Amino acid sequence: MKLNDFTAVAELIKERDYLRSLVTKADFGHPIKVGNTDVRQDIAERIRPELKLIFEQQIAVVDEKLAALGVTTDQEAA
């Protein structure tokens, strides 16, 4: 990893951590909000698996970007 990539790596790690937190919240059944309004529980339960899949796909995209910068493990990112 180049010295000038540290800022980009830090931003990508923050994004990945945020996405991981969303997956965790989806696993625990936290309410889904649109703006300041909760999505109805029955609708939230139907879309939760798809939302989790989207978050996991985005994590994979971030991991690819990190790999392109030369970071392949969490230890290298730290």
PDB file of N, CA and C in Angstrom:
ATOM      1  N   MET A   1       0.845  -1.167   0.000  1.00  0.00           N
ATOM      2  CA  MET A   1       0.000   0.000   0.000  1.00  0.00           C
ATOM      3  C   MET A   1       0.893   1.233   0.000  1.00  0.00           C
ATOM      4  N   LYS A   2       0.518   2.197  -0.803  1.00  0.00           N
ATOM      5  CA  LYS A   2       1.278   3.439  -0.881  1.00  0.00           C
ATOM      6  C   LYS A   2       0.870   4.372   0.251  1.00  0.00           C
ATOM      7  N   LEU A   3       1.775   5.242   0.626  1.00  0.00           N
ATOM      8  CA  LEU A   3       1.526   6.169   1.716  1.00  0.00           C
ATOM      9  C   LEU A   3       0.307   7.050   1.436  1.00  0.00           C
ATOM     10  N   ASN A   4       0.127   7.455   0.192  1.00  0.00           N
ATOM     11  CA  ASN A   4      -1.002   8.332  -0.127  1.00  0.00           C
ATOM     12  C   ASN A   4      -2.337   7.587  -0.157  1.00  0.00           C
ATOM     13  N   ASP A   5      -2.329   6.277   0.028  1.00  0.00           N
ATOM     14  CA  ASP A   5      -3.562   5.489   0.048  1.00  0.00           C
ATOM     15  C   ASP A   5      -4.160   5.345   1.455  1.00  0.00           C
ATOM     16  N   PHE A   6      -3.447   5.803   2.483  1.00  0.00           N
ATOM     17  CA  PHE A   6      -3.923   5.615   3.849  1.00  0.00           C
ATOM     18  C   PHE A   6      -5.295   6.242   4.087  1.00  0.00           C
ATOM     19  N   THR A   7      -5.533   7.423   3.559  1.00  0.00           N
ATOM     20  CA  THR A   7      -6.824   8.087   3.746  1.00  0.00           C
ATOM     21  C   THR A   7      -7.933   7.290   3.070  1.00  0.00           C
ATOM     22  N   ALA A   8      -7.682   6.840   1.851  1.00  0.00           N
ATOM     23  CA  ALA A   8      -8.686   6.051   1.127  1.00  0.00           C
ATOM     24  C   ALA A   8      -8.973   4.744   1.865  1.00  0.00           C
ATOM     25  N   VAL A   9      -7.931   4.098   2.374  1.00  0.00           N
ATOM     26  CA  VAL A   9      -8.106   2.848   3.118  1.00  0.00           C
ATOM     27  C   VAL A   9      -8.931   3.104   4.378  1.00  0.00           C
ATOM     28  N   ALA A  10      -8.638   4.176   5.083  1.00  0.00           N
ATOM     29  CA  ALA A  10      -9.379   4.494   6.306  1.00  0.00           C
ATOM     30  C   ALA A  10     -10.864   4.709   6.003  1.00  0.00           C
ATOM     31  N   GLU A  11     -11.159   5.415   4.923  1.00  0.00           N
ATOM     32  CA  GLU A  11     -12.557   5.656   4.544  1.00  0.00           C
ATOM     33  C   GLU A  11     -13.257   4.347   4.167  1.00  0.00           C
ATOM     34  N   LEU A  12     -12.574   3.493   3.445  1.00  0.00           N
ATOM     35  CA  LEU A  12     -13.163   2.211   3.058  1.00  0.00           C
ATOM     36  C   LEU A  12     -13.410   1.325   4.275  1.00  0.00           C
ATOM     37  N   ILE A  13     -12.508   1.358   5.227  1.00  0.00           N
ATOM     38  CA  ILE A  13     -12.682   0.569   6.443  1.00  0.00           C
ATOM     39  C   ILE A  13     -13.881   1.075   7.233  1.00  0.00           C
ATOM     40  N   LYS A  14     -14.045   2.401   7.306  1.00  0.00           N
ATOM     41  CA  LYS A  14     -15.223   2.951   7.992  1.00  0.00           C
ATOM     42  C   LYS A  14     -16.512   2.526   7.294  1.00  0.00           C
ATOM     43  N   GLU A  15     -16.488   2.546   5.964  1.00  0.00           N
ATOM     44  CA  GLU A  15     -17.670   2.123   5.205  1.00  0.00           C
ATOM     45  C   GLU A  15     -17.982   0.651   5.459  1.00  0.00           C
ATOM     46  N   ARG A  16     -16.934  -0.180   5.435  1.00  0.00           N
ATOM     47  CA  ARG A  16     -17.141  -1.615   5.673  1.00  0.00           C
ATOM     48  C   ARG A  16     -17.669  -1.875   7.083  1.00  0.00           C
ATOM     49  N   ASP A  17     -17.124  -1.178   8.063  1.00  0.00           N
ATOM     50  CA  ASP A  17     -17.598  -1.342   9.437  1.00  0.00           C
ATOM     51  C   ASP A  17     -19.065  -0.934   9.571  1.00  0.00           C
ATOM     52  N   TYR A  18     -19.446   0.147   8.897  1.00  0.00           N
ATOM     53  CA  TYR A  18     -20.834   0.596   8.929  1.00  0.00           C
ATOM     54  C   TYR A  18     -21.745  -0.452   8.290  1.00  0.00           C
ATOM     55  N   LEU A  19     -21.335  -0.973   7.140  1.00  0.00           N
ATOM     56  CA  LEU A  19     -22.138  -1.994   6.466  1.00  0.00           C
ATOM     57  C   LEU A  19     -22.263  -3.250   7.328  1.00  0.00           C
ATOM     58  N   ARG A  20     -21.178  -3.626   7.990  1.00  0.00           N
ATOM     59  CA  ARG A  20     -21.237  -4.787   8.891  1.00  0.00           C
ATOM     60  C   ARG A  20     -22.218  -4.539  10.036  1.00  0.00           C
ATOM     61  N   SER A  21     -22.256  -3.299  10.534  1.00  0.00           N
ATOM     62  CA  SER A  21     -23.199  -2.987  11.614  1.00  0.00           C
ATOM     63  C   SER A  21     -24.642  -3.093  11.115  1.00  0.00           C
ATOM     64  N   LEU A  22     -24.875  -2.743   9.855  1.00  0.00           N
ATOM     65  CA  LEU A  22     -26.218  -2.869   9.292  1.00  0.00           C
ATOM     66  C   LEU A  22     -26.624  -4.333   9.167  1.00  0.00           C
ATOM     67  N   VAL A  23     -25.682  -5.189   8.798  1.00  0.00           N
ATOM     68  CA  VAL A  23     -25.971  -6.629   8.723  1.00  0.00           C
ATOM     69  C   VAL A  23     -26.327  -7.145  10.116  1.00  0.00           C
ATOM     70  N   THR A  24     -25.583  -6.728  11.117  1.00  0.00           N
ATOM     71  CA  THR A  24     -25.852  -7.151  12.491  1.00  0.00           C
ATOM     72  C   THR A  24     -27.231  -6.679  12.930  1.00  0.00           C
ATOM     73  N   LYS A  25     -27.570  -5.437  12.624  1.00  0.00           N
ATOM     74  CA  LYS A  25     -28.888  -4.914  12.988  1.00  0.00           C
ATOM     75  C   LYS A  25     -29.989  -5.690  12.276  1.00  0.00           C
ATOM     76  N   ALA A  26     -29.760  -6.041  11.029  1.00  0.00           N
ATOM     77  CA  ALA A  26     -30.749  -6.833  10.288  1.00  0.00           C
ATOM     78  C   ALA A  26     -30.924  -8.202  10.936  1.00  0.00           C
ATOM     79  N   ASP A  27     -29.815  -8.792  11.394  1.00  0.00           N
ATOM     80  CA  ASP A  27     -29.879 -10.102  12.055  1.00  0.00           C
ATOM     81  C   ASP A  27     -30.703 -10.050  13.342  1.00  0.00           C
ATOM     82  N   PHE A  28     -30.615  -8.931  14.056  1.00  0.00           N
ATOM     83  CA  PHE A  28     -31.305  -8.817  15.335  1.00  0.00           C
ATOM     84  C   PHE A  28     -32.703  -8.219  15.209  1.00  0.00           C
ATOM     85  N   GLY A  29     -33.149  -7.946  13.988  1.00  0.00           N
ATOM     86  CA  GLY A  29     -34.519  -7.502  13.779  1.00  0.00           C
ATOM     87  C   GLY A  29     -34.794  -6.061  14.138  1.00  0.00           C
ATOM     88  N   HIS A  30     -33.774  -5.204  14.103  1.00  0.00           N
ATOM     89  CA  HIS A  30     -33.993  -3.788  14.377  1.00  0.00           C
ATOM     90  C   HIS A  30     -34.998  -3.213  13.382  1.00  0.00           C
ATOM     91  N   PRO A  31     -35.742  -2.191  13.790  1.00  0.00           N
ATOM     92  CA  PRO A  31     -36.715  -1.589  12.872  1.00  0.00           C
ATOM     93  C   PRO A  31     -36.026  -1.016  11.637  1.00  0.00           C
ATOM     94  N   ILE A  32     -36.720  -1.080  10.518  1.00  0.00           N
ATOM     95  CA  ILE A  32     -36.238  -0.488   9.277  1.00  0.00           C
ATOM     96  C   ILE A  32     -36.962   0.837   9.115  1.00  0.00           C
ATOM     97  N   LYS A  33     -36.207   1.890   8.874  1.00  0.00           N
ATOM     98  CA  LYS A  33     -36.784   3.228   8.760  1.00  0.00           C
ATOM     99  C   LYS A  33     -36.618   3.769   7.352  1.00  0.00           C
ATOM    100  N   VAL A  34     -37.610   4.537   6.941  1.00  0.00           N
ATOM    101  CA  VAL A  34     -37.527   5.338   5.723  1.00  0.00           C
ATOM    102  C   VAL A  34     -37.740   6.764   6.198  1.00  0.00           C
ATOM    103  N   GLY A  35     -36.660   7.540   6.155  1.00  0.00           N
ATOM    104  CA  GLY A  35     -36.735   8.864   6.770  1.00  0.00           C
ATOM    105  C   GLY A  35     -36.902   8.691   8.265  1.00  0.00           C
ATOM    106  N   ASN A  36     -37.940   9.311   8.815  1.00  0.00           N
ATOM    107  CA  ASN A  36     -38.217   9.187  10.248  1.00  0.00           C
ATOM    108  C   ASN A  36     -39.340   8.205  10.543  1.00  0.00           C
ATOM    109  N   THR A  37     -39.767   7.473   9.534  1.00  0.00           N
ATOM    110  CA  THR A  37     -40.909   6.578   9.684  1.00  0.00           C
ATOM    111  C   THR A  37     -40.458   5.118   9.657  1.00  0.00           C
ATOM    112  N   ASP A  38     -40.947   4.350  10.629  1.00  0.00           N
ATOM    113  CA  ASP A  38     -40.674   2.910  10.633  1.00  0.00           C
ATOM    114  C   ASP A  38     -41.481   2.226   9.535  1.00  0.00           C
ATOM    115  N   VAL A  39     -40.851   1.288   8.854  1.00  0.00           N
ATOM    116  CA  VAL A  39     -41.553   0.461   7.876  1.00  0.00           C
ATOM    117  C   VAL A  39     -42.407  -0.528   8.668  1.00  0.00           C
ATOM    118  N   ARG A  40     -43.622  -0.781   8.197  1.00  0.00           N
ATOM    119  CA  ARG A  40     -44.490  -1.746   8.880  1.00  0.00           C
ATOM    120  C   ARG A  40     -43.750  -3.049   9.121  1.00  0.00           C
ATOM    121  N   GLN A  41     -43.979  -3.648  10.269  1.00  0.00           N
ATOM    122  CA  GLN A  41     -43.264  -4.859  10.685  1.00  0.00           C
ATOM    123  C   GLN A  41     -43.385  -5.987   9.675  1.00  0.00           C
ATOM    124  N   ASP A  42     -44.570  -6.212   9.117  1.00  0.00           N
ATOM    125  CA  ASP A  42     -44.742  -7.316   8.168  1.00  0.00           C
ATOM    126  C   ASP A  42     -43.949  -7.078   6.887  1.00  0.00           C
ATOM    127  N   ILE A  43     -43.891  -5.834   6.447  1.00  0.00           N
ATOM    128  CA  ILE A  43     -43.106  -5.507   5.250  1.00  0.00           C
ATOM    129  C   ILE A  43     -41.618  -5.604   5.557  1.00  0.00           C
ATOM    130  N   ALA A  44     -41.218  -5.103   6.725  1.00  0.00           N
ATOM    131  CA  ALA A  44     -39.812  -5.159   7.129  1.00  0.00           C
ATOM    132  C   ALA A  44     -39.302  -6.593   7.157  1.00  0.00           C
ATOM    133  N   GLU A  45     -40.110  -7.506   7.668  1.00  0.00           N
ATOM    134  CA  GLU A  45     -39.695  -8.910   7.736  1.00  0.00           C
ATOM    135  C   GLU A  45     -39.532  -9.519   6.343  1.00  0.00           C
ATOM    136  N   ARG A  46     -40.340  -9.082   5.394  1.00  0.00           N
ATOM    137  CA  ARG A  46     -40.225  -9.612   4.033  1.00  0.00           C
ATOM    138  C   ARG A  46     -38.989  -9.087   3.315  1.00  0.00           C
ATOM    139  N   ILE A  47     -38.625  -7.823   3.571  1.00  0.00           N
ATOM    140  CA  ILE A  47     -37.498  -7.248   2.831  1.00  0.00           C
ATOM    141  C   ILE A  47     -36.157  -7.407   3.544  1.00  0.00           C
ATOM    142  N   ARG A  48     -36.202  -7.795   4.821  1.00  0.00           N
ATOM    143  CA  ARG A  48     -34.956  -7.920   5.598  1.00  0.00           C
ATOM    144  C   ARG A  48     -33.916  -8.840   4.937  1.00  0.00           C
ATOM    145  N   PRO A  49     -34.281 -10.032   4.431  1.00  0.00           N
ATOM    146  CA  PRO A  49     -33.262 -10.889   3.799  1.00  0.00           C
ATOM    147  C   PRO A  49     -32.613 -10.235   2.574  1.00  0.00           C
ATOM    148  N   GLU A  50     -33.408  -9.528   1.777  1.00  0.00           N
ATOM    149  CA  GLU A  50     -32.848  -8.871   0.603  1.00  0.00           C
ATOM    150  C   GLU A  50     -31.934  -7.709   0.996  1.00  0.00           C
ATOM    151  N   LEU A  51     -32.330  -6.960   2.019  1.00  0.00           N
ATOM    152  CA  LEU A  51     -31.483  -5.868   2.496  1.00  0.00           C
ATOM    153  C   LEU A  51     -30.151  -6.410   3.009  1.00  0.00           C
ATOM    154  N   LYS A  52     -30.223  -7.501   3.760  1.00  0.00           N
ATOM    155  CA  LYS A  52     -28.996  -8.106   4.283  1.00  0.00           C
ATOM    156  C   LYS A  52     -28.087  -8.550   3.140  1.00  0.00           C
ATOM    157  N   LEU A  53     -28.665  -9.124   2.103  1.00  0.00           N
ATOM    158  CA  LEU A  53     -27.883  -9.546   0.938  1.00  0.00           C
ATOM    159  C   LEU A  53     -27.217  -8.348   0.264  1.00  0.00           C
ATOM    160  N   ILE A  54     -27.946  -7.252   0.130  1.00  0.00           N
ATOM    161  CA  ILE A  54     -27.385  -6.035  -0.469  1.00  0.00           C
ATOM    162  C   ILE A  54     -26.209  -5.533   0.364  1.00  0.00           C
ATOM    163  N   PHE A  55     -26.376  -5.488   1.688  1.00  0.00           N
ATOM    164  CA  PHE A  55     -25.283  -5.041   2.558  1.00  0.00           C
ATOM    165  C   PHE A  55     -24.066  -5.941   2.402  1.00  0.00           C
ATOM    166  N   GLU A  56     -24.277  -7.249   2.345  1.00  0.00           N
ATOM    167  CA  GLU A  56     -23.162  -8.187   2.200  1.00  0.00           C
ATOM    168  C   GLU A  56     -22.473  -8.016   0.845  1.00  0.00           C
ATOM    169  N   GLN A  57     -23.250  -7.737  -0.203  1.00  0.00           N
ATOM    170  CA  GLN A  57     -22.652  -7.495  -1.517  1.00  0.00           C
ATOM    171  C   GLN A  57     -21.814  -6.220  -1.497  1.00  0.00           C
ATOM    172  N   GLN A  58     -22.301  -5.197  -0.810  1.00  0.00           N
ATOM    173  CA  GLN A  58     -21.544  -3.954  -0.713  1.00  0.00           C
ATOM    174  C   GLN A  58     -20.254  -4.149   0.080  1.00  0.00           C
ATOM    175  N   ILE A  59     -20.296  -4.998   1.099  1.00  0.00           N
ATOM    176  CA  ILE A  59     -19.076  -5.312   1.853  1.00  0.00           C
ATOM    177  C   ILE A  59     -18.059  -5.958   0.917  1.00  0.00           C
ATOM    178  N   ALA A  60     -18.512  -6.858   0.052  1.00  0.00           N
ATOM    179  CA  ALA A  60     -17.611  -7.504  -0.911  1.00  0.00           C
ATOM    180  C   ALA A  60     -17.011  -6.471  -1.866  1.00  0.00           C
ATOM    181  N   VAL A  61     -17.790  -5.495  -2.277  1.00  0.00           N
ATOM    182  CA  VAL A  61     -17.285  -4.435  -3.161  1.00  0.00           C
ATOM    183  C   VAL A  61     -16.196  -3.634  -2.441  1.00  0.00           C
ATOM    184  N   VAL A  62     -16.448  -3.289  -1.192  1.00  0.00           N
ATOM    185  CA  VAL A  62     -15.452  -2.546  -0.415  1.00  0.00           C
ATOM    186  C   VAL A  62     -14.190  -3.380  -0.246  1.00  0.00           C
ATOM    187  N   ASP A  63     -14.346  -4.679   0.017  1.00  0.00           N
ATOM    188  CA  ASP A  63     -13.182  -5.554   0.149  1.00  0.00           C
ATOM    189  C   ASP A  63     -12.368  -5.604  -1.145  1.00  0.00           C
ATOM    190  N   GLU A  64     -13.047  -5.586  -2.287  1.00  0.00           N
ATOM    191  CA  GLU A  64     -12.338  -5.552  -3.575  1.00  0.00           C
ATOM    192  C   GLU A  64     -11.563  -4.251  -3.737  1.00  0.00           C
ATOM    193  N   LYS A  65     -12.164  -3.151  -3.332  1.00  0.00           N
ATOM    194  CA  LYS A  65     -11.478  -1.852  -3.411  1.00  0.00           C
ATOM    195  C   LYS A  65     -10.261  -1.839  -2.497  1.00  0.00           C
ATOM    196  N   LEU A  66     -10.405  -2.414  -1.301  1.00  0.00           N
ATOM    197  CA  LEU A  66      -9.270  -2.502  -0.384  1.00  0.00           C
ATOM    198  C   LEU A  66      -8.158  -3.364  -0.980  1.00  0.00           C
ATOM    199  N   ALA A  67      -8.539  -4.474  -1.590  1.00  0.00           N
ATOM    200  CA  ALA A  67      -7.544  -5.356  -2.207  1.00  0.00           C
ATOM    201  C   ALA A  67      -6.814  -4.634  -3.336  1.00  0.00           C
ATOM    202  N   ALA A  68      -7.535  -3.810  -4.088  1.00  0.00           N
ATOM    203  CA  ALA A  68      -6.899  -3.049  -5.167  1.00  0.00           C
ATOM    204  C   ALA A  68      -5.870  -2.059  -4.631  1.00  0.00           C
ATOM    205  N   LEU A  69      -6.063  -1.629  -3.375  1.00  0.00           N
ATOM    206  CA  LEU A  69      -5.104  -0.734  -2.732  1.00  0.00           C
ATOM    207  C   LEU A  69      -4.001  -1.502  -2.017  1.00  0.00           C
ATOM    208  N   GLY A  70      -4.068  -2.841  -2.066  1.00  0.00           N
ATOM    209  CA  GLY A  70      -3.025  -3.653  -1.462  1.00  0.00           C
ATOM    210  C   GLY A  70      -3.336  -4.155  -0.073  1.00  0.00           C
ATOM    211  N   VAL A  71      -4.569  -3.956   0.403  1.00  0.00           N
ATOM    212  CA  VAL A  71      -4.968  -4.421   1.731  1.00  0.00           C
ATOM    213  C   VAL A  71      -5.784  -5.686   1.547  1.00  0.00           C
ATOM    214  N   THR A  72      -5.293  -6.783   2.099  1.00  0.00           N
ATOM    215  CA  THR A  72      -6.005  -8.056   1.919  1.00  0.00           C
ATOM    216  C   THR A  72      -6.508  -8.654   3.227  1.00  0.00           C
ATOM    217  N   THR A  73      -6.083  -8.106   4.375  1.00  0.00           N
ATOM    218  CA  THR A  73      -6.551  -8.624   5.664  1.00  0.00           C
ATOM    219  C   THR A  73      -6.897  -7.456   6.590  1.00  0.00           C
ATOM    220  N   ASP A  74      -7.692  -7.743   7.616  1.00  0.00           N
ATOM    221  CA  ASP A  74      -8.022  -6.721   8.595  1.00  0.00           C
ATOM    222  C   ASP A  74      -6.778  -6.223   9.341  1.00  0.00           C
ATOM    223  N   GLN A  75      -5.796  -7.112   9.532  1.00  0.00           N
ATOM    224  CA  GLN A  75      -4.566  -6.716  10.232  1.00  0.00           C
ATOM    225  C   GLN A  75      -3.782  -5.699   9.406  1.00  0.00           C
ATOM    226  N   GLU A  76      -3.764  -5.871   8.095  1.00  0.00           N
ATOM    227  CA  GLU A  76      -3.061  -4.900   7.250  1.00  0.00           C
ATOM    228  C   GLU A  76      -3.755  -3.550   7.273  1.00  0.00           C
ATOM    229  N   ALA A  77      -5.070  -3.557   7.426  1.00  0.00           N
ATOM    230  CA  ALA A  77      -5.833  -2.315   7.434  1.00  0.00           C
ATOM    231  C   ALA A  77      -5.642  -1.544   8.724  1.00  0.00           C
ATOM    232  N   ALA A  78      -5.311  -2.260   9.804  1.00  0.00           N
ATOM    233  CA  ALA A  78      -5.207  -1.611  11.116  1.00  0.00           C
ATOM    234  C   ALA A  78      -3.989  -0.741  11.250  1.00  0.00           C
TER     235      ALA A  78
END
